[in-house]
Amino acid sequence: MIDLEQIRKHSPKDGDVFELPAHTPPQLAEQFAEALHVAVPGVRCLVLIGEVHQLDQSAMDLAGWYRQ
């Protein structure tokens, strides 16, 4: 169950990323993504479950993600 105090108002724009808590069920994340699509048609957003970490180039190289 989502704590209602964790919900914040957003004005989604193309390319926005929404990070949901790690314990969010996949079905609820899918419903959230569908609600975004209905609320703001034409805006493409990414809905993720869990923490997002930004990696620098050396960390990506170590993980096997090489630039071409």
Protein backbone atom coordinates (compact mmCIF):
# COMPACT_ATOMS: atom_id res chain seq x y z
CA MET A 1 0.00 0.00 0.00
CA ILE A 2 1.31 3.47 -0.86
CA ASP A 3 1.52 6.06 1.91
CA LEU A 4 -0.58 8.99 0.67
CA GLU A 5 1.88 11.43 2.29
CA GLN A 6 4.54 10.24 -0.20
CA ILE A 7 2.51 11.38 -3.20
CA ARG A 8 3.56 14.70 -4.74
CA LYS A 9 1.98 16.76 -7.51
CA HIS A 10 3.96 16.81 -10.75
CA SER A 11 3.54 18.35 -14.16
CA PRO A 12 5.00 15.62 -16.37
CA LYS A 13 6.98 16.58 -19.45
CA ASP A 14 8.42 14.38 -22.19
CA GLY A 15 11.32 12.34 -20.87
CA ASP A 16 10.43 12.58 -17.18
CA VAL A 17 11.30 9.63 -14.97
CA PHE A 18 9.09 8.63 -12.04
CA GLU A 19 10.78 6.52 -9.38
CA LEU A 20 8.36 4.50 -7.24
CA PRO A 21 9.35 2.88 -3.92
CA ALA A 22 11.06 -0.52 -4.22
CA HIS A 23 8.13 -2.27 -2.53
CA THR A 24 5.64 -1.07 -5.19
CA PRO A 25 3.89 -4.01 -6.87
CA PRO A 26 4.43 -4.12 -10.66
CA GLN A 27 0.67 -3.99 -11.28
CA LEU A 28 0.41 -0.73 -9.32
CA ALA A 29 3.34 0.76 -11.27
CA GLU A 30 1.57 -0.19 -14.51
CA GLN A 31 -1.64 1.46 -13.30
CA PHE A 32 0.32 4.59 -12.40
CA ALA A 33 1.87 4.71 -15.89
CA GLU A 34 -1.56 4.30 -17.48
CA ALA A 35 -2.97 7.08 -15.28
CA LEU A 36 -0.14 9.38 -16.40
CA HIS A 37 -0.95 8.60 -20.02
CA VAL A 38 -4.63 9.43 -19.45
CA ALA A 39 -3.91 12.58 -17.41
CA VAL A 40 -1.34 14.00 -19.83
CA PRO A 41 -1.86 12.50 -23.31
CA GLY A 42 1.12 12.62 -25.63
CA VAL A 43 3.68 12.95 -22.87
CA ARG A 44 6.14 10.04 -22.69
CA CYS A 45 7.37 9.25 -19.19
CA LEU A 46 9.31 6.37 -17.70
CA VAL A 47 7.99 4.72 -14.53
CA LEU A 48 10.56 2.72 -12.55
CA ILE A 49 10.36 0.66 -9.39
CA GLY A 50 13.26 1.07 -6.97
CA GLU A 51 16.17 3.46 -6.71
CA VAL A 52 17.82 4.96 -9.77
CA HIS A 53 21.56 5.50 -9.64
CA GLN A 54 23.53 7.62 -12.07
CA LEU A 55 26.79 6.01 -13.10
CA ASP A 56 29.89 7.74 -14.37
CA GLN A 57 31.72 6.49 -17.46
CA SER A 58 34.23 4.34 -15.53
CA ALA A 59 31.41 2.58 -13.62
CA MET A 60 29.60 1.91 -16.91
CA ASP A 61 32.83 0.55 -18.43
CA LEU A 62 33.25 -1.80 -15.46
CA ALA A 63 29.67 -3.00 -15.97
CA GLY A 64 30.43 -3.74 -19.62
CA TRP A 65 28.56 -0.79 -21.12
CA TYR A 66 30.98 0.62 -23.68
CA ARG A 67 30.40 3.66 -25.90
CA GLN A 68 30.59 3.06 -29.62
